[in-house]
């Protein structure tokens, strides 16, 4: 069971890092940062895409805010505490 807890915790960190890196634009699509962001996106999108389809994206001014990462982290923490 420790392995499951470790994997869930690791995935939560992947979600956090991916969310933080989304704030930084990449100018070169073949650079190291762009490749890293692409890899993180491929890891996180299977979880975030269904949440984005369900949840509305509130708009503040001209910017829409994506809370799917926060909801995914909360759900993963709940699952981690239940098991």
PDB file of N, CA and C in Angstrom:
ATOM      1  N   UNK A   1       0.822  -1.194   0.000  1.00  0.00           N
ATOM      2  CA  UNK A   1       0.000   0.000   0.000  1.00  0.00           C
ATOM      3  C   UNK A   1       0.865   1.258   0.000  1.00  0.00           C
ATOM      4  N   UNK A   2       2.065   1.171   0.569  1.00  0.00           N
ATOM      5  CA  UNK A   2       2.947   2.332   0.569  1.00  0.00           C
ATOM      6  C   UNK A   2       3.287   2.785  -0.836  1.00  0.00           C
ATOM      7  N   UNK A   3       3.410   1.857  -1.757  1.00  0.00           N
ATOM      8  CA  UNK A   3       3.732   2.199  -3.141  1.00  0.00           C
ATOM      9  C   UNK A   3       2.612   3.030  -3.760  1.00  0.00           C
ATOM     10  N   UNK A   4       1.370   2.681  -3.476  1.00  0.00           N
ATOM     11  CA  UNK A   4       0.226   3.428  -4.005  1.00  0.00           C
ATOM     12  C   UNK A   4       0.230   4.850  -3.454  1.00  0.00           C
ATOM     13  N   UNK A   5       0.467   4.985  -2.150  1.00  0.00           N
ATOM     14  CA  UNK A   5       0.524   6.317  -1.545  1.00  0.00           C
ATOM     15  C   UNK A   5       1.656   7.144  -2.152  1.00  0.00           C
ATOM     16  N   UNK A   6       2.795   6.513  -2.368  1.00  0.00           N
ATOM     17  CA  UNK A   6       3.934   7.205  -2.957  1.00  0.00           C
ATOM     18  C   UNK A   6       3.625   7.659  -4.383  1.00  0.00           C
ATOM     19  N   UNK A   7       2.988   6.794  -5.173  1.00  0.00           N
ATOM     20  CA  UNK A   7       2.650   7.150  -6.558  1.00  0.00           C
ATOM     21  C   UNK A   7       1.628   8.277  -6.626  1.00  0.00           C
ATOM     22  N   UNK A   8       0.650   8.248  -5.744  1.00  0.00           N
ATOM     23  CA  UNK A   8      -0.343   9.327  -5.709  1.00  0.00           C
ATOM     24  C   UNK A   8       0.325  10.644  -5.315  1.00  0.00           C
ATOM     25  N   UNK A   9       1.189  10.604  -4.315  1.00  0.00           N
ATOM     26  CA  UNK A   9       1.900  11.814  -3.896  1.00  0.00           C
ATOM     27  C   UNK A   9       2.794  12.337  -5.010  1.00  0.00           C
ATOM     28  N   UNK A  10       3.464  11.453  -5.701  1.00  0.00           N
ATOM     29  CA  UNK A  10       4.315  11.845  -6.815  1.00  0.00           C
ATOM     30  C   UNK A  10       3.494  12.481  -7.936  1.00  0.00           C
ATOM     31  N   UNK A  11       2.340  11.903  -8.228  1.00  0.00           N
ATOM     32  CA  UNK A  11       1.478  12.454  -9.280  1.00  0.00           C
ATOM     33  C   UNK A  11       0.946  13.829  -8.892  1.00  0.00           C
ATOM     34  N   UNK A  12       0.668  14.031  -7.610  1.00  0.00           N
ATOM     35  CA  UNK A  12       0.234  15.350  -7.152  1.00  0.00           C
ATOM     36  C   UNK A  12       1.333  16.370  -7.410  1.00  0.00           C
ATOM     37  N   UNK A  13       2.578  16.005  -7.157  1.00  0.00           N
ATOM     38  CA  UNK A  13       3.688  16.923  -7.439  1.00  0.00           C
ATOM     39  C   UNK A  13       3.835  17.185  -8.927  1.00  0.00           C
ATOM     40  N   UNK A  14       3.581  16.171  -9.741  1.00  0.00           N
ATOM     41  CA  UNK A  14       3.622  16.365 -11.202  1.00  0.00           C
ATOM     42  C   UNK A  14       2.545  17.366 -11.618  1.00  0.00           C
ATOM     43  N   UNK A  15       1.364  17.268 -11.036  1.00  0.00           N
ATOM     44  CA  UNK A  15       0.292  18.220 -11.329  1.00  0.00           C
ATOM     45  C   UNK A  15       0.683  19.640 -10.923  1.00  0.00           C
ATOM     46  N   UNK A  16       1.278  19.781  -9.752  1.00  0.00           N
ATOM     47  CA  UNK A  16       1.674  21.105  -9.268  1.00  0.00           C
ATOM     48  C   UNK A  16       2.745  21.701 -10.164  1.00  0.00           C
ATOM     49  N   UNK A  17       3.757  20.911 -10.496  1.00  0.00           N
ATOM     50  CA  UNK A  17       4.843  21.412 -11.350  1.00  0.00           C
ATOM     51  C   UNK A  17       4.311  21.780 -12.731  1.00  0.00           C
ATOM     52  N   UNK A  18       3.427  20.952 -13.261  1.00  0.00           N
ATOM     53  CA  UNK A  18       2.836  21.244 -14.570  1.00  0.00           C
ATOM     54  C   UNK A  18       2.036  22.539 -14.536  1.00  0.00           C
ATOM     55  N   UNK A  19       1.275  22.751 -13.471  1.00  0.00           N
ATOM     56  CA  UNK A  19       0.492  23.983 -13.346  1.00  0.00           C
ATOM     57  C   UNK A  19       1.400  25.200 -13.240  1.00  0.00           C
ATOM     58  N   UNK A  20       2.458  25.091 -12.464  1.00  0.00           N
ATOM     59  CA  UNK A  20       3.381  26.218 -12.326  1.00  0.00           C
ATOM     60  C   UNK A  20       4.100  26.524 -13.640  1.00  0.00           C
ATOM     61  N   UNK A  21       4.505  25.496 -14.354  1.00  0.00           N
ATOM     62  CA  UNK A  21       5.207  25.703 -15.617  1.00  0.00           C
ATOM     63  C   UNK A  21       4.288  26.246 -16.708  1.00  0.00           C
ATOM     64  N   UNK A  22       2.989  26.074 -16.542  1.00  0.00           N
ATOM     65  CA  UNK A  22       2.067  26.598 -17.553  1.00  0.00           C
ATOM     66  C   UNK A  22       2.064  28.119 -17.563  1.00  0.00           C
ATOM     67  N   UNK A  23       2.563  28.737 -16.515  1.00  0.00           N
ATOM     68  CA  UNK A  23       2.623  30.192 -16.450  1.00  0.00           C
ATOM     69  C   UNK A  23       3.790  30.754 -17.240  1.00  0.00           C
ATOM     70  N   UNK A  24       4.752  29.914 -17.603  1.00  0.00           N
ATOM     71  CA  UNK A  24       5.943  30.370 -18.315  1.00  0.00           C
ATOM     72  C   UNK A  24       5.831  30.023 -19.790  1.00  0.00           C
ATOM     73  N   UNK A  25       5.855  31.024 -20.657  1.00  0.00           N
ATOM     74  CA  UNK A  25       5.769  30.732 -22.092  1.00  0.00           C
ATOM     75  C   UNK A  25       7.076  30.132 -22.605  1.00  0.00           C
ATOM     76  N   UNK A  26       6.940  29.275 -23.593  1.00  0.00           N
ATOM     77  CA  UNK A  26       8.127  28.725 -24.247  1.00  0.00           C
ATOM     78  C   UNK A  26       8.150  29.250 -25.668  1.00  0.00           C
ATOM     79  N   UNK A  27       9.266  29.816 -26.049  1.00  0.00           N
ATOM     80  CA  UNK A  27       9.376  30.394 -27.389  1.00  0.00           C
ATOM     81  C   UNK A  27       9.859  29.369 -28.402  1.00  0.00           C
ATOM     82  N   UNK A  28      10.597  28.373 -27.938  1.00  0.00           N
ATOM     83  CA  UNK A  28      11.139  27.365 -28.835  1.00  0.00           C
ATOM     84  C   UNK A  28      10.471  26.030 -28.526  1.00  0.00           C
ATOM     85  N   UNK A  29       9.834  25.424 -29.504  1.00  0.00           N
ATOM     86  CA  UNK A  29       9.100  24.185 -29.260  1.00  0.00           C
ATOM     87  C   UNK A  29      10.003  22.971 -29.124  1.00  0.00           C
ATOM     88  N   UNK A  30      11.303  23.124 -29.402  1.00  0.00           N
ATOM     89  CA  UNK A  30      12.202  21.981 -29.291  1.00  0.00           C
ATOM     90  C   UNK A  30      13.209  22.151 -28.164  1.00  0.00           C
ATOM     91  N   UNK A  31      13.037  23.153 -27.329  1.00  0.00           N
ATOM     92  CA  UNK A  31      13.963  23.385 -26.231  1.00  0.00           C
ATOM     93  C   UNK A  31      13.714  22.430 -25.076  1.00  0.00           C
ATOM     94  N   UNK A  32      14.592  22.485 -24.091  1.00  0.00           N
ATOM     95  CA  UNK A  32      14.481  21.598 -22.934  1.00  0.00           C
ATOM     96  C   UNK A  32      13.233  21.846 -22.116  1.00  0.00           C
ATOM     97  N   UNK A  33      12.917  23.120 -21.875  1.00  0.00           N
ATOM     98  CA  UNK A  33      11.728  23.445 -21.091  1.00  0.00           C
ATOM     99  C   UNK A  33      10.464  23.036 -21.840  1.00  0.00           C
ATOM    100  N   UNK A  34      10.431  23.272 -23.137  1.00  0.00           N
ATOM    101  CA  UNK A  34       9.258  22.895 -23.932  1.00  0.00           C
ATOM    102  C   UNK A  34       9.071  21.384 -23.926  1.00  0.00           C
ATOM    103  N   UNK A  35      10.145  20.637 -24.032  1.00  0.00           N
ATOM    104  CA  UNK A  35      10.054  19.170 -24.006  1.00  0.00           C
ATOM    105  C   UNK A  35       9.562  18.683 -22.650  1.00  0.00           C
ATOM    106  N   UNK A  36      10.053  19.305 -21.585  1.00  0.00           N
ATOM    107  CA  UNK A  36       9.642  18.937 -20.235  1.00  0.00           C
ATOM    108  C   UNK A  36       8.157  19.242 -20.022  1.00  0.00           C
ATOM    109  N   UNK A  37       7.723  20.429 -20.470  1.00  0.00           N
ATOM    110  CA  UNK A  37       6.311  20.787 -20.357  1.00  0.00           C
ATOM    111  C   UNK A  37       5.427  19.841 -21.160  1.00  0.00           C
ATOM    112  N   UNK A  38       5.893  19.447 -22.339  1.00  0.00           N
ATOM    113  CA  UNK A  38       5.125  18.518 -23.171  1.00  0.00           C
ATOM    114  C   UNK A  38       4.990  17.164 -22.476  1.00  0.00           C
ATOM    115  N   UNK A  39       6.059  16.687 -21.868  1.00  0.00           N
ATOM    116  CA  UNK A  39       6.010  15.405 -21.155  1.00  0.00           C
ATOM    117  C   UNK A  39       5.054  15.483 -19.973  1.00  0.00           C
ATOM    118  N   UNK A  40       5.096  16.586 -19.231  1.00  0.00           N
ATOM    119  CA  UNK A  40       4.182  16.744 -18.102  1.00  0.00           C
ATOM    120  C   UNK A  40       2.733  16.831 -18.569  1.00  0.00           C
ATOM    121  N   UNK A  41       2.510  17.505 -19.685  1.00  0.00           N
ATOM    122  CA  UNK A  41       1.156  17.605 -20.231  1.00  0.00           C
ATOM    123  C   UNK A  41       0.626  16.227 -20.609  1.00  0.00           C
ATOM    124  N   UNK A  42       1.474  15.420 -21.209  1.00  0.00           N
ATOM    125  CA  UNK A  42       1.047  14.058 -21.578  1.00  0.00           C
ATOM    126  C   UNK A  42       0.726  13.222 -20.347  1.00  0.00           C
ATOM    127  N   UNK A  43       1.385  13.498 -19.228  1.00  0.00           N
ATOM    128  CA  UNK A  43       1.111  12.762 -17.995  1.00  0.00           C
ATOM    129  C   UNK A  43      -0.151  13.258 -17.287  1.00  0.00           C
ATOM    130  N   UNK A  44      -0.436  14.541 -17.381  1.00  0.00           N
ATOM    131  CA  UNK A  44      -1.529  15.103 -16.598  1.00  0.00           C
ATOM    132  C   UNK A  44      -2.862  15.204 -17.343  1.00  0.00           C
ATOM    133  N   UNK A  45      -2.827  15.303 -18.653  1.00  0.00           N
ATOM    134  CA  UNK A  45      -4.072  15.495 -19.412  1.00  0.00           C
ATOM    135  C   UNK A  45      -5.087  14.362 -19.250  1.00  0.00           C
ATOM    136  N   UNK A  46      -4.694  13.090 -19.127  1.00  0.00           N
ATOM    137  CA  UNK A  46      -5.725  12.055 -18.938  1.00  0.00           C
ATOM    138  C   UNK A  46      -6.577  12.263 -17.690  1.00  0.00           C
ATOM    139  N   UNK A  47      -6.043  12.926 -16.684  1.00  0.00           N
ATOM    140  CA  UNK A  47      -6.812  13.209 -15.469  1.00  0.00           C
ATOM    141  C   UNK A  47      -7.519  14.551 -15.579  1.00  0.00           C
ATOM    142  N   UNK A  48      -6.847  15.537 -16.141  1.00  0.00           N
ATOM    143  CA  UNK A  48      -7.406  16.889 -16.160  1.00  0.00           C
ATOM    144  C   UNK A  48      -8.470  17.095 -17.235  1.00  0.00           C
ATOM    145  N   UNK A  49      -8.349  16.442 -18.368  1.00  0.00           N
ATOM    146  CA  UNK A  49      -9.295  16.652 -19.471  1.00  0.00           C
ATOM    147  C   UNK A  49     -10.739  16.356 -19.057  1.00  0.00           C
ATOM    148  N   UNK A  50     -11.030  15.212 -18.414  1.00  0.00           N
ATOM    149  CA  UNK A  50     -12.431  14.976 -18.005  1.00  0.00           C
ATOM    150  C   UNK A  50     -12.931  16.007 -16.992  1.00  0.00           C
ATOM    151  N   UNK A  51     -12.046  16.451 -16.096  1.00  0.00           N
ATOM    152  CA  UNK A  51     -12.457  17.475 -15.126  1.00  0.00           C
ATOM    153  C   UNK A  51     -12.767  18.792 -15.817  1.00  0.00           C
ATOM    154  N   UNK A  52     -11.975  19.144 -16.821  1.00  0.00           N
ATOM    155  CA  UNK A  52     -12.215  20.395 -17.560  1.00  0.00           C
ATOM    156  C   UNK A  52     -13.529  20.345 -18.322  1.00  0.00           C
ATOM    157  N   UNK A  53     -13.927  19.163 -18.771  1.00  0.00           N
ATOM    158  CA  UNK A  53     -15.190  19.040 -19.506  1.00  0.00           C
ATOM    159  C   UNK A  53     -16.386  19.176 -18.581  1.00  0.00           C
ATOM    160  N   UNK A  54     -16.218  18.787 -17.325  1.00  0.00           N
ATOM    161  CA  UNK A  54     -17.313  18.836 -16.354  1.00  0.00           C
ATOM    162  C   UNK A  54     -17.441  20.217 -15.724  1.00  0.00           C
ATOM    163  N   UNK A  55     -16.303  20.797 -15.355  1.00  0.00           N
ATOM    164  CA  UNK A  55     -16.298  22.035 -14.576  1.00  0.00           C
ATOM    165  C   UNK A  55     -16.396  23.274 -15.459  1.00  0.00           C
ATOM    166  N   UNK A  56     -17.173  24.241 -15.020  1.00  0.00           N
ATOM    167  CA  UNK A  56     -17.163  25.527 -15.735  1.00  0.00           C
ATOM    168  C   UNK A  56     -15.873  26.272 -15.415  1.00  0.00           C
ATOM    169  N   UNK A  57     -15.441  27.115 -16.330  1.00  0.00           N
ATOM    170  CA  UNK A  57     -14.242  27.926 -16.112  1.00  0.00           C
ATOM    171  C   UNK A  57     -14.684  29.353 -15.821  1.00  0.00           C
ATOM    172  N   UNK A  58     -14.606  29.765 -14.552  1.00  0.00           N
ATOM    173  CA  UNK A  58     -15.020  31.137 -14.226  1.00  0.00           C
ATOM    174  C   UNK A  58     -14.105  32.158 -14.877  1.00  0.00           C
ATOM    175  N   UNK A  59     -14.693  33.281 -15.244  1.00  0.00           N
ATOM    176  CA  UNK A  59     -13.924  34.352 -15.882  1.00  0.00           C
ATOM    177  C   UNK A  59     -13.776  35.502 -14.901  1.00  0.00           C
ATOM    178  N   UNK A  60     -12.554  35.960 -14.757  1.00  0.00           N
ATOM    179  CA  UNK A  60     -12.254  37.144 -13.960  1.00  0.00           C
ATOM    180  C   UNK A  60     -11.632  38.153 -14.903  1.00  0.00           C
ATOM    181  N   UNK A  61     -12.393  39.175 -15.227  1.00  0.00           N
ATOM    182  CA  UNK A  61     -11.936  40.115 -16.235  1.00  0.00           C
ATOM    183  C   UNK A  61     -11.934  39.419 -17.585  1.00  0.00           C
ATOM    184  N   UNK A  62     -10.825  39.422 -18.263  1.00  0.00           N
ATOM    185  CA  UNK A  62     -10.731  38.755 -19.556  1.00  0.00           C
ATOM    186  C   UNK A  62     -10.032  37.414 -19.483  1.00  0.00           C
ATOM    187  N   UNK A  63      -9.828  36.906 -18.266  1.00  0.00           N
ATOM    188  CA  UNK A  63      -9.061  35.676 -18.088  1.00  0.00           C
ATOM    189  C   UNK A  63      -9.946  34.607 -17.485  1.00  0.00           C
ATOM    190  N   UNK A  64      -9.930  33.413 -18.073  1.00  0.00           N
ATOM    191  CA  UNK A  64     -10.647  32.290 -17.469  1.00  0.00           C
ATOM    192  C   UNK A  64      -9.671  31.515 -16.597  1.00  0.00           C
ATOM    193  N   UNK A  65     -10.162  31.055 -15.465  1.00  0.00           N
ATOM    194  CA  UNK A  65      -9.322  30.355 -14.494  1.00  0.00           C
ATOM    195  C   UNK A  65      -9.671  28.882 -14.514  1.00  0.00           C
ATOM    196  N   UNK A  66      -8.628  28.054 -14.607  1.00  0.00           N
ATOM    197  CA  UNK A  66      -8.791  26.608 -14.664  1.00  0.00           C
ATOM    198  C   UNK A  66      -8.533  26.025 -13.273  1.00  0.00           C
ATOM    199  N   UNK A  67      -9.595  25.556 -12.638  1.00  0.00           N
ATOM    200  CA  UNK A  67      -9.484  24.971 -11.308  1.00  0.00           C
ATOM    201  C   UNK A  67      -9.360  23.448 -11.350  1.00  0.00           C
ATOM    202  N   UNK A  68      -9.205  22.869 -12.532  1.00  0.00           N
ATOM    203  CA  UNK A  68      -9.165  21.416 -12.640  1.00  0.00           C
ATOM    204  C   UNK A  68      -7.968  20.818 -11.898  1.00  0.00           C
ATOM    205  N   UNK A  69      -6.845  21.506 -11.878  1.00  0.00           N
ATOM    206  CA  UNK A  69      -5.676  20.988 -11.155  1.00  0.00           C
ATOM    207  C   UNK A  69      -5.972  20.940  -9.654  1.00  0.00           C
ATOM    208  N   UNK A  70      -6.579  21.988  -9.135  1.00  0.00           N
ATOM    209  CA  UNK A  70      -6.927  22.018  -7.715  1.00  0.00           C
ATOM    210  C   UNK A  70      -7.911  20.908  -7.364  1.00  0.00           C
ATOM    211  N   UNK A  71      -8.919  20.711  -8.187  1.00  0.00           N
ATOM    212  CA  UNK A  71      -9.901  19.651  -7.937  1.00  0.00           C
ATOM    213  C   UNK A  71      -9.242  18.282  -8.019  1.00  0.00           C
ATOM    214  N   UNK A  72      -8.360  18.080  -8.990  1.00  0.00           N
ATOM    215  CA  UNK A  72      -7.656  16.797  -9.123  1.00  0.00           C
ATOM    216  C   UNK A  72      -6.801  16.524  -7.890  1.00  0.00           C
ATOM    217  N   UNK A  73      -6.119  17.538  -7.391  1.00  0.00           N
ATOM    218  CA  UNK A  73      -5.284  17.352  -6.201  1.00  0.00           C
ATOM    219  C   UNK A  73      -6.136  17.000  -4.992  1.00  0.00           C
ATOM    220  N   UNK A  74      -7.258  17.686  -4.835  1.00  0.00           N
ATOM    221  CA  UNK A  74      -8.154  17.391  -3.711  1.00  0.00           C
ATOM    222  C   UNK A  74      -8.685  15.963  -3.815  1.00  0.00           C
ATOM    223  N   UNK A  75      -9.111  15.567  -5.016  1.00  0.00           N
ATOM    224  CA  UNK A  75      -9.626  14.199  -5.195  1.00  0.00           C
ATOM    225  C   UNK A  75      -8.554  13.152  -4.920  1.00  0.00           C
ATOM    226  N   UNK A  76      -7.342  13.402  -5.400  1.00  0.00           N
ATOM    227  CA  UNK A  76      -6.252  12.458  -5.162  1.00  0.00           C
ATOM    228  C   UNK A  76      -5.901  12.376  -3.674  1.00  0.00           C
ATOM    229  N   UNK A  77      -5.946  13.494  -2.975  1.00  0.00           N
ATOM    230  CA  UNK A  77      -5.688  13.478  -1.533  1.00  0.00           C
ATOM    231  C   UNK A  77      -6.771  12.694  -0.792  1.00  0.00           C
ATOM    232  N   UNK A  78      -8.017  12.877  -1.200  1.00  0.00           N
ATOM    233  CA  UNK A  78      -9.107  12.123  -0.578  1.00  0.00           C
ATOM    234  C   UNK A  78      -8.918  10.638  -0.825  1.00  0.00           C
ATOM    235  N   UNK A  79      -8.613  10.263  -2.056  1.00  0.00           N
ATOM    236  CA  UNK A  79      -8.371   8.845  -2.367  1.00  0.00           C
ATOM    237  C   UNK A  79      -7.190   8.315  -1.571  1.00  0.00           C
ATOM    238  N   UNK A  80      -6.140   9.113  -1.472  1.00  0.00           N
ATOM    239  CA  UNK A  80      -4.948   8.706  -0.739  1.00  0.00           C
ATOM    240  C   UNK A  80      -5.248   8.491   0.739  1.00  0.00           C
ATOM    241  N   UNK A  81      -6.133   9.303   1.301  1.00  0.00           N
ATOM    242  CA  UNK A  81      -6.487   9.139   2.711  1.00  0.00           C
ATOM    243  C   UNK A  81      -7.445   7.991   2.954  1.00  0.00           C
ATOM    244  N   UNK A  82      -8.256   7.678   1.954  1.00  0.00           N
ATOM    245  CA  UNK A  82      -9.232   6.574   2.120  1.00  0.00           C
ATOM    246  C   UNK A  82      -8.537   5.218   2.074  1.00  0.00           C
ATOM    247  N   UNK A  83      -7.572   5.090   1.166  1.00  0.00           N
ATOM    248  CA  UNK A  83      -6.929   3.775   1.020  1.00  0.00           C
ATOM    249  C   UNK A  83      -5.787   3.575   1.983  1.00  0.00           C
TER     250      UNK A  83
END
